[in-house]
PDB file of N, CA and C in Angstrom:
ATOM      1  N   MET A   1      -2.379  35.693  -0.180  1.00  0.00           N
ATOM      2  CA  MET A   1      -3.647  35.111  -0.524  1.00  0.00           C
ATOM      3  C   MET A   1      -3.640  33.644  -0.106  1.00  0.00           C
ATOM      4  N   ARG A   2      -4.756  33.193   0.445  1.00  0.00           N
ATOM      5  CA  ARG A   2      -4.888  31.800   0.849  1.00  0.00           C
ATOM      6  C   ARG A   2      -5.744  31.059  -0.165  1.00  0.00           C
ATOM      7  N   GLN A   3      -5.289  29.887  -0.519  1.00  0.00           N
ATOM      8  CA  GLN A   3      -6.054  29.031  -1.407  1.00  0.00           C
ATOM      9  C   GLN A   3      -6.384  27.754  -0.642  1.00  0.00           C
ATOM     10  N   TYR A   4      -7.618  27.336  -0.777  1.00  0.00           N
ATOM     11  CA  TYR A   4      -8.098  26.158  -0.048  1.00  0.00           C
ATOM     12  C   TYR A   4      -8.612  25.110  -1.013  1.00  0.00           C
ATOM     13  N   LYS A   5      -8.530  23.885  -0.597  1.00  0.00           N
ATOM     14  CA  LYS A   5      -9.177  22.816  -1.352  1.00  0.00           C
ATOM     15  C   LYS A   5     -10.265  22.226  -0.471  1.00  0.00           C
ATOM     16  N   MET A   6     -11.380  21.888  -1.099  1.00  0.00           N
ATOM     17  CA  MET A   6     -12.481  21.267  -0.374  1.00  0.00           C
ATOM     18  C   MET A   6     -12.157  19.792  -0.188  1.00  0.00           C
ATOM     19  N   GLN A   7     -12.397  19.305   1.013  1.00  0.00           N
ATOM     20  CA  GLN A   7     -12.071  17.919   1.301  1.00  0.00           C
ATOM     21  C   GLN A   7     -13.191  17.324   2.138  1.00  0.00           C
ATOM     22  N   GLU A   8     -13.683  16.191   1.705  1.00  0.00           N
ATOM     23  CA  GLU A   8     -14.717  15.487   2.454  1.00  0.00           C
ATOM     24  C   GLU A   8     -14.146  14.153   2.899  1.00  0.00           C
ATOM     25  N   THR A   9     -14.281  13.868   4.186  1.00  0.00           N
ATOM     26  CA  THR A   9     -13.818  12.583   4.691  1.00  0.00           C
ATOM     27  C   THR A   9     -14.984  11.850   5.331  1.00  0.00           C
ATOM     28  N   LYS A  10     -14.965  10.540   5.203  1.00  0.00           N
ATOM     29  CA  LYS A  10     -15.981   9.704   5.820  1.00  0.00           C
ATOM     30  C   LYS A  10     -15.296   8.790   6.817  1.00  0.00           C
ATOM     31  N   GLU A  11     -15.890   8.666   7.980  1.00  0.00           N
ATOM     32  CA  GLU A  11     -15.370   7.773   8.999  1.00  0.00           C
ATOM     33  C   GLU A  11     -16.515   6.882   9.468  1.00  0.00           C
ATOM     34  N   VAL A  12     -16.221   5.601   9.633  1.00  0.00           N
ATOM     35  CA  VAL A  12     -17.243   4.665  10.091  1.00  0.00           C
ATOM     36  C   VAL A  12     -17.657   5.044  11.508  1.00  0.00           C
ATOM     37  N   GLU A  13     -18.958   5.189  11.707  1.00  0.00           N
ATOM     38  CA  GLU A  13     -19.491   5.544  13.010  1.00  0.00           C
ATOM     39  C   GLU A  13     -19.939   4.300  13.772  1.00  0.00           C
ATOM     40  N   LYS A  14     -20.599   3.386  13.064  1.00  0.00           N
ATOM     41  CA  LYS A  14     -20.979   2.103  13.649  1.00  0.00           C
ATOM     42  C   LYS A  14     -21.241   1.116  12.527  1.00  0.00           C
ATOM     43  N   ILE A  15     -21.154  -0.164  12.870  1.00  0.00           N
ATOM     44  CA  ILE A  15     -21.427  -1.252  11.930  1.00  0.00           C
ATOM     45  C   ILE A  15     -22.517  -2.103  12.553  1.00  0.00           C
ATOM     46  N   ILE A  16     -23.518  -2.433  11.767  1.00  0.00           N
ATOM     47  CA  ILE A  16     -24.604  -3.277  12.255  1.00  0.00           C
ATOM     48  C   ILE A  16     -24.685  -4.512  11.358  1.00  0.00           C
ATOM     49  N   CYS A  17     -24.672  -5.690  11.978  1.00  0.00           N
ATOM     50  CA  CYS A  17     -24.772  -6.938  11.231  1.00  0.00           C
ATOM     51  C   CYS A  17     -26.135  -6.989  10.540  1.00  0.00           C
ATOM     52  N   ASN A  18     -26.109  -7.188   9.233  1.00  0.00           N
ATOM     53  CA  ASN A  18     -27.358  -7.243   8.473  1.00  0.00           C
ATOM     54  C   ASN A  18     -28.217  -8.460   8.824  1.00  0.00           C
ATOM     55  N   LYS A  19     -27.608  -9.518   9.353  1.00  0.00           N
ATOM     56  CA  LYS A  19     -28.378 -10.726   9.648  1.00  0.00           C
ATOM     57  C   LYS A  19     -29.034 -10.669  11.022  1.00  0.00           C
ATOM     58  N   CYS A  20     -28.261 -10.385  12.080  1.00  0.00           N
ATOM     59  CA  CYS A  20     -28.802 -10.445  13.440  1.00  0.00           C
ATOM     60  C   CYS A  20     -29.060  -9.076  14.062  1.00  0.00           C
ATOM     61  N   GLY A  21     -28.531  -8.014  13.465  1.00  0.00           N
ATOM     62  CA  GLY A  21     -28.747  -6.668  13.979  1.00  0.00           C
ATOM     63  C   GLY A  21     -27.771  -6.252  15.069  1.00  0.00           C
ATOM     64  N   LYS A  22     -26.796  -7.107  15.378  1.00  0.00           N
ATOM     65  CA  LYS A  22     -25.809  -6.774  16.408  1.00  0.00           C
ATOM     66  C   LYS A  22     -25.012  -5.552  15.987  1.00  0.00           C
ATOM     67  N   GLU A  23     -24.799  -4.638  16.939  1.00  0.00           N
ATOM     68  CA  GLU A  23     -23.977  -3.462  16.665  1.00  0.00           C
ATOM     69  C   GLU A  23     -22.533  -3.764  17.047  1.00  0.00           C
ATOM     70  N   ILE A  24     -21.631  -3.557  16.103  1.00  0.00           N
ATOM     71  CA  ILE A  24     -20.204  -3.759  16.330  1.00  0.00           C
ATOM     72  C   ILE A  24     -19.626  -2.414  16.776  1.00  0.00           C
ATOM     73  N   VAL A  25     -18.951  -2.414  17.907  1.00  0.00           N
ATOM     74  CA  VAL A  25     -18.391  -1.180  18.447  1.00  0.00           C
ATOM     75  C   VAL A  25     -17.275  -0.676  17.544  1.00  0.00           C
ATOM     76  N   VAL A  26     -17.308   0.629  17.256  1.00  0.00           N
ATOM     77  CA  VAL A  26     -16.285   1.274  16.431  1.00  0.00           C
ATOM     78  C   VAL A  26     -15.682   2.421  17.229  1.00  0.00           C
ATOM     79  N   LYS A  27     -14.356   2.425  17.337  1.00  0.00           N
ATOM     80  CA  LYS A  27     -13.653   3.521  18.018  1.00  0.00           C
ATOM     81  C   LYS A  27     -12.605   4.079  17.072  1.00  0.00           C
ATOM     82  N   ASN A  28     -12.614   5.381  16.914  1.00  0.00           N
ATOM     83  CA  ASN A  28     -11.670   6.072  16.026  1.00  0.00           C
ATOM     84  C   ASN A  28     -11.690   5.490  14.620  1.00  0.00           C
ATOM     85  N   GLY A  29     -12.877   5.101  14.152  1.00  0.00           N
ATOM     86  CA  GLY A  29     -13.029   4.591  12.798  1.00  0.00           C
ATOM     87  C   GLY A  29     -12.621   3.147  12.600  1.00  0.00           C
ATOM     88  N   ILE A  30     -12.298   2.449  13.703  1.00  0.00           N
ATOM     89  CA  ILE A  30     -11.844   1.057  13.610  1.00  0.00           C
ATOM     90  C   ILE A  30     -12.784   0.175  14.423  1.00  0.00           C
ATOM     91  N   SER A  31     -13.289  -0.900  13.790  1.00  0.00           N
ATOM     92  CA  SER A  31     -14.195  -1.794  14.503  1.00  0.00           C
ATOM     93  C   SER A  31     -13.422  -2.630  15.519  1.00  0.00           C
ATOM     94  N   GLU A  32     -14.063  -2.905  16.648  1.00  0.00           N
ATOM     95  CA  GLU A  32     -13.418  -3.693  17.697  1.00  0.00           C
ATOM     96  C   GLU A  32     -13.618  -5.187  17.514  1.00  0.00           C
ATOM     97  N   GLU A  33     -14.424  -5.570  16.520  1.00  0.00           N
ATOM     98  CA  GLU A  33     -14.595  -6.963  16.128  1.00  0.00           C
ATOM     99  C   GLU A  33     -14.478  -7.016  14.619  1.00  0.00           C
ATOM    100  N   ASP A  34     -14.061  -8.154  14.116  1.00  0.00           N
ATOM    101  CA  ASP A  34     -13.958  -8.290  12.669  1.00  0.00           C
ATOM    102  C   ASP A  34     -15.324  -8.623  12.084  1.00  0.00           C
ATOM    103  N   VAL A  35     -15.574  -8.158  10.880  1.00  0.00           N
ATOM    104  CA  VAL A  35     -16.825  -8.424  10.177  1.00  0.00           C
ATOM    105  C   VAL A  35     -16.514  -8.785   8.735  1.00  0.00           C
ATOM    106  N   LEU A  36     -17.453  -9.478   8.112  1.00  0.00           N
ATOM    107  CA  LEU A  36     -17.363  -9.741   6.680  1.00  0.00           C
ATOM    108  C   LEU A  36     -18.139  -8.627   5.984  1.00  0.00           C
ATOM    109  N   SER A  37     -17.450  -7.847   5.159  1.00  0.00           N
ATOM    110  CA  SER A  37     -18.093  -6.786   4.391  1.00  0.00           C
ATOM    111  C   SER A  37     -18.120  -7.204   2.934  1.00  0.00           C
ATOM    112  N   VAL A  38     -19.311  -7.189   2.345  1.00  0.00           N
ATOM    113  CA  VAL A  38     -19.484  -7.633   0.971  1.00  0.00           C
ATOM    114  C   VAL A  38     -20.052  -6.489   0.141  1.00  0.00           C
ATOM    115  N   GLU A  39     -19.451  -6.282  -1.027  1.00  0.00           N
ATOM    116  CA  GLU A  39     -20.003  -5.373  -2.025  1.00  0.00           C
ATOM    117  C   GLU A  39     -20.035  -6.137  -3.339  1.00  0.00           C
ATOM    118  N   LYS A  40     -21.205  -6.287  -3.911  1.00  0.00           N
ATOM    119  CA  LYS A  40     -21.363  -7.064  -5.134  1.00  0.00           C
ATOM    120  C   LYS A  40     -22.100  -6.248  -6.181  1.00  0.00           C
ATOM    121  N   ARG A  41     -21.457  -6.048  -7.318  1.00  0.00           N
ATOM    122  CA  ARG A  41     -22.118  -5.443  -8.473  1.00  0.00           C
ATOM    123  C   ARG A  41     -22.545  -6.588  -9.374  1.00  0.00           C
ATOM    124  N   TRP A  42     -23.856  -6.729  -9.557  1.00  0.00           N
ATOM    125  CA  TRP A  42     -24.403  -7.828 -10.334  1.00  0.00           C
ATOM    126  C   TRP A  42     -24.195  -7.589 -11.817  1.00  0.00           C
ATOM    127  N   GLY A  43     -23.903  -8.655 -12.537  1.00  0.00           N
ATOM    128  CA  GLY A  43     -23.566  -8.587 -13.947  1.00  0.00           C
ATOM    129  C   GLY A  43     -24.759  -8.649 -14.882  1.00  0.00           C
ATOM    130  N   TYR A  44     -24.439  -8.566 -16.131  1.00  0.00           N
ATOM    131  CA  TYR A  44     -25.423  -8.483 -17.207  1.00  0.00           C
ATOM    132  C   TYR A  44     -26.363  -9.681 -17.250  1.00  0.00           C
ATOM    133  N   PHE A  45     -25.863 -10.867 -16.947  1.00  0.00           N
ATOM    134  CA  PHE A  45     -26.668 -12.078 -17.078  1.00  0.00           C
ATOM    135  C   PHE A  45     -27.434 -12.437 -15.807  1.00  0.00           C
ATOM    136  N   SER A  46     -27.575 -11.495 -14.892  1.00  0.00           N
ATOM    137  CA  SER A  46     -28.365 -11.728 -13.684  1.00  0.00           C
ATOM    138  C   SER A  46     -29.683 -10.956 -13.783  1.00  0.00           C
ATOM    139  N   ASN A  47     -30.566 -11.239 -12.866  1.00  0.00           N
ATOM    140  CA  ASN A  47     -31.820 -10.481 -12.795  1.00  0.00           C
ATOM    141  C   ASN A  47     -31.637  -9.152 -12.072  1.00  0.00           C
ATOM    142  N   LYS A  48     -30.433  -8.888 -11.631  1.00  0.00           N
ATOM    143  CA  LYS A  48     -30.119  -7.663 -10.893  1.00  0.00           C
ATOM    144  C   LYS A  48     -29.103  -6.817 -11.677  1.00  0.00           C
ATOM    145  N   ASP A  49     -29.197  -6.829 -12.964  1.00  0.00           N
ATOM    146  CA  ASP A  49     -28.248  -6.192 -13.875  1.00  0.00           C
ATOM    147  C   ASP A  49     -27.749  -4.841 -13.363  1.00  0.00           C
ATOM    148  N   ASN A  50     -26.479  -4.798 -13.019  1.00  0.00           N
ATOM    149  CA  ASN A  50     -25.751  -3.599 -12.590  1.00  0.00           C
ATOM    150  C   ASN A  50     -26.181  -3.067 -11.221  1.00  0.00           C
ATOM    151  N   ASP A  51     -27.035  -3.774 -10.487  1.00  0.00           N
ATOM    152  CA  ASP A  51     -27.355  -3.374  -9.109  1.00  0.00           C
ATOM    153  C   ASP A  51     -26.141  -3.643  -8.232  1.00  0.00           C
ATOM    154  N   VAL A  52     -25.934  -2.817  -7.223  1.00  0.00           N
ATOM    155  CA  VAL A  52     -24.855  -3.024  -6.260  1.00  0.00           C
ATOM    156  C   VAL A  52     -25.492  -3.332  -4.908  1.00  0.00           C
ATOM    157  N   HIS A  53     -25.130  -4.457  -4.331  1.00  0.00           N
ATOM    158  CA  HIS A  53     -25.606  -4.854  -3.007  1.00  0.00           C
ATOM    159  C   HIS A  53     -24.429  -4.814  -2.037  1.00  0.00           C
ATOM    160  N   GLU A  54     -24.655  -4.262  -0.856  1.00  0.00           N
ATOM    161  CA  GLU A  54     -23.623  -4.187   0.181  1.00  0.00           C
ATOM    162  C   GLU A  54     -24.220  -4.681   1.493  1.00  0.00           C
ATOM    163  N   PHE A  55     -23.415  -5.453   2.249  1.00  0.00           N
ATOM    164  CA  PHE A  55     -23.855  -5.867   3.584  1.00  0.00           C
ATOM    165  C   PHE A  55     -22.659  -6.231   4.442  1.00  0.00           C
ATOM    166  N   ASP A  56     -22.891  -6.217   5.766  1.00  0.00           N
ATOM    167  CA  ASP A  56     -21.887  -6.593   6.753  1.00  0.00           C
ATOM    168  C   ASP A  56     -22.462  -7.710   7.610  1.00  0.00           C
ATOM    169  N   ILE A  57     -21.635  -8.707   7.913  1.00  0.00           N
ATOM    170  CA  ILE A  57     -22.038  -9.857   8.711  1.00  0.00           C
ATOM    171  C   ILE A  57     -21.033 -10.026   9.858  1.00  0.00           C
ATOM    172  N   CYS A  58     -21.546 -10.153  11.086  1.00  0.00           N
ATOM    173  CA  CYS A  58     -20.647 -10.387  12.226  1.00  0.00           C
ATOM    174  C   CYS A  58     -20.066 -11.801  12.133  1.00  0.00           C
ATOM    175  N   GLU A  59     -19.054 -12.068  12.927  1.00  0.00           N
ATOM    176  CA  GLU A  59     -18.371 -13.363  12.843  1.00  0.00           C
ATOM    177  C   GLU A  59     -19.281 -14.532  13.219  1.00  0.00           C
ATOM    178  N   ALA A  60     -20.127 -14.344  14.222  1.00  0.00           N
ATOM    179  CA  ALA A  60     -21.035 -15.430  14.643  1.00  0.00           C
ATOM    180  C   ALA A  60     -22.007 -15.778  13.519  1.00  0.00           C
ATOM    181  N   CYS A  61     -22.554 -14.778  12.849  1.00  0.00           N
ATOM    182  CA  CYS A  61     -23.486 -15.030  11.747  1.00  0.00           C
ATOM    183  C   CYS A  61     -22.754 -15.628  10.544  1.00  0.00           C
ATOM    184  N   TYR A  62     -21.520 -15.211  10.330  1.00  0.00           N
ATOM    185  CA  TYR A  62     -20.707 -15.791   9.261  1.00  0.00           C
ATOM    186  C   TYR A  62     -20.509 -17.286   9.507  1.00  0.00           C
ATOM    187  N   ASP A  63     -20.147 -17.639  10.757  1.00  0.00           N
ATOM    188  CA  ASP A  63     -19.936 -19.050  11.094  1.00  0.00           C
ATOM    189  C   ASP A  63     -21.215 -19.858  10.905  1.00  0.00           C
ATOM    190  N   GLU A  64     -22.342 -19.294  11.350  1.00  0.00           N
ATOM    191  CA  GLU A  64     -23.631 -19.973  11.198  1.00  0.00           C
ATOM    192  C   GLU A  64     -23.969 -20.159   9.719  1.00  0.00           C
ATOM    193  N   TRP A  65     -23.771 -19.113   8.929  1.00  0.00           N
ATOM    194  CA  TRP A  65     -24.085 -19.131   7.500  1.00  0.00           C
ATOM    195  C   TRP A  65     -23.219 -20.143   6.760  1.00  0.00           C
ATOM    196  N   THR A  66     -21.887 -20.069   6.954  1.00  0.00           N
ATOM    197  CA  THR A  66     -20.992 -20.939   6.199  1.00  0.00           C
ATOM    198  C   THR A  66     -21.108 -22.403   6.613  1.00  0.00           C
ATOM    199  N   SER A  67     -21.616 -22.671   7.819  1.00  0.00           N
ATOM    200  CA  SER A  67     -21.800 -24.063   8.242  1.00  0.00           C
ATOM    201  C   SER A  67     -22.903 -24.751   7.437  1.00  0.00           C
ATOM    202  N   THR A  68     -23.720 -23.980   6.721  1.00  0.00           N
ATOM    203  CA  THR A  68     -24.797 -24.557   5.906  1.00  0.00           C
ATOM    204  C   THR A  68     -24.356 -24.830   4.472  1.00  0.00           C
ATOM    205  N   PHE A  69     -23.142 -24.457   4.106  1.00  0.00           N
ATOM    206  CA  PHE A  69     -22.664 -24.640   2.736  1.00  0.00           C
ATOM    207  C   PHE A  69     -22.517 -26.125   2.405  1.00  0.00           C
ATOM    208  N   ALA A  70     -22.960 -26.520   1.230  1.00  0.00           N
ATOM    209  CA  ALA A  70     -22.811 -27.903   0.775  1.00  0.00           C
ATOM    210  C   ALA A  70     -21.333 -28.243   0.574  1.00  0.00           C
ATOM    211  N   ILE A  71     -20.561 -27.288   0.126  1.00  0.00           N
ATOM    212  CA  ILE A  71     -19.112 -27.453  -0.043  1.00  0.00           C
ATOM    213  C   ILE A  71     -18.444 -26.537   0.962  1.00  0.00           C
ATOM    214  N   PRO A  72     -17.694 -27.101   1.906  1.00  0.00           N
ATOM    215  CA  PRO A  72     -17.063 -26.265   2.952  1.00  0.00           C
ATOM    216  C   PRO A  72     -16.140 -25.216   2.349  1.00  0.00           C
ATOM    217  N   ILE A  73     -16.001 -24.105   3.074  1.00  0.00           N
ATOM    218  CA  ILE A  73     -15.083 -23.053   2.635  1.00  0.00           C
ATOM    219  C   ILE A  73     -13.649 -23.556   2.732  1.00  0.00           C
ATOM    220  N   GLU A  74     -12.773 -22.986   1.922  1.00  0.00           N
ATOM    221  CA  GLU A  74     -11.344 -23.314   1.993  1.00  0.00           C
ATOM    222  C   GLU A  74     -10.678 -22.420   3.010  1.00  0.00           C
ATOM    223  N   GLN A  75      -9.889 -23.007   3.866  1.00  0.00           N
ATOM    224  CA  GLN A  75      -9.101 -22.230   4.818  1.00  0.00           C
ATOM    225  C   GLN A  75      -7.636 -22.380   4.457  1.00  0.00           C
ATOM    226  N   LYS A  76      -6.944 -21.270   4.381  1.00  0.00           N
ATOM    227  CA  LYS A  76      -5.519 -21.305   4.021  1.00  0.00           C
ATOM    228  C   LYS A  76      -4.678 -20.719   5.116  1.00  0.00           C
TER     229      LYS A  76
END
Protein backbone atom coordinates (compact mmCIF):
# COMPACT_ATOMS: atom_id res chain seq x y z
CA MET A 1 0.00 0.00 0.00
CA ARG A 2 1.24 3.49 -0.84
CA GLN A 3 0.68 6.40 1.47
CA TYR A 4 1.10 9.95 0.25
CA LYS A 5 1.30 13.31 1.88
CA MET A 6 -0.04 16.42 0.21
CA GLN A 7 2.61 19.05 -0.30
CA GLU A 8 2.26 22.55 -1.67
CA THR A 9 5.32 24.56 -2.61
CA LYS A 10 5.55 28.17 -3.67
CA GLU A 11 8.33 29.53 -5.82
CA VAL A 12 8.87 33.18 -6.68
CA GLU A 13 8.03 33.72 -10.33
CA LYS A 14 8.82 37.43 -10.57
CA ILE A 15 9.33 40.46 -8.33
CA ILE A 16 8.02 43.89 -9.25
CA CYS A 17 9.19 47.04 -7.46
CA ASN A 18 6.16 48.63 -5.84
CA LYS A 19 7.56 52.14 -6.38
CA CYS A 20 8.77 52.21 -10.01
CA GLY A 21 7.25 49.02 -11.43
CA LYS A 22 10.60 47.57 -12.53
CA GLU A 23 10.53 43.80 -12.94
CA ILE A 24 13.39 42.00 -11.21
CA VAL A 25 14.47 38.90 -13.11
CA VAL A 26 14.01 35.65 -11.17
CA LYS A 27 15.64 32.37 -12.22
CA ASN A 28 15.05 29.11 -10.36
CA GLY A 29 13.30 31.02 -7.58
CA ILE A 30 16.25 33.37 -6.98
CA SER A 31 16.22 37.06 -7.90
CA GLU A 32 19.12 38.31 -10.01
CA GLU A 33 19.10 41.66 -8.19
CA ASP A 34 18.69 42.36 -4.52
CA VAL A 35 15.48 43.97 -3.28
CA LEU A 36 14.16 45.29 0.00
CA SER A 37 11.19 43.15 1.04
CA VAL A 38 9.03 44.54 3.83
CA GLU A 39 6.24 42.86 5.75
CA LYS A 40 4.64 44.95 8.49
CA ARG A 41 1.82 43.92 10.80
CA TRP A 42 0.41 47.12 12.25
CA GLY A 43 -0.18 47.23 15.99
CA TYR A 44 -3.08 48.08 18.22
CA PHE A 45 -2.25 51.78 18.57
CA SER A 46 -2.22 52.47 14.83
CA ASN A 47 -5.05 53.31 12.47
CA LYS A 48 -4.26 50.06 10.66
CA ASP A 49 -4.86 47.75 13.63
CA ASN A 50 -3.63 44.25 12.72
CA ASP A 51 -3.43 45.00 8.96
CA VAL A 52 -0.44 43.41 7.21
CA HIS A 53 1.30 45.43 4.49
CA GLU A 54 3.89 43.86 2.17
CA PHE A 55 6.01 45.48 -0.54
CA ASP A 56 9.25 45.09 -2.49
CA ILE A 57 11.55 47.96 -3.48
CA CYS A 58 14.41 47.73 -6.00
CA GLU A 59 17.84 49.01 -4.97
CA ALA A 60 17.59 52.23 -7.02
CA CYS A 61 14.26 53.16 -5.41
CA TYR A 62 15.64 52.24 -1.98
CA ASP A 63 18.59 54.61 -2.52
CA GLU A 64 16.27 57.38 -3.71
CA TRP A 65 13.89 56.84 -0.77
CA THR A 66 16.54 56.66 1.97
CA SER A 67 18.31 59.77 0.64
CA THR A 68 15.24 61.75 1.79
CA PHE A 69 15.51 60.60 5.42
CA ALA A 70 16.09 63.38 7.96
CA ILE A 71 18.33 60.99 9.91
CA PRO A 72 20.64 58.94 7.65
CA ILE A 73 20.47 55.17 7.84
CA GLU A 74 23.16 53.35 9.82
CA GLN A 75 25.59 51.29 7.82
CA LYS A 76 27.52 48.55 9.59
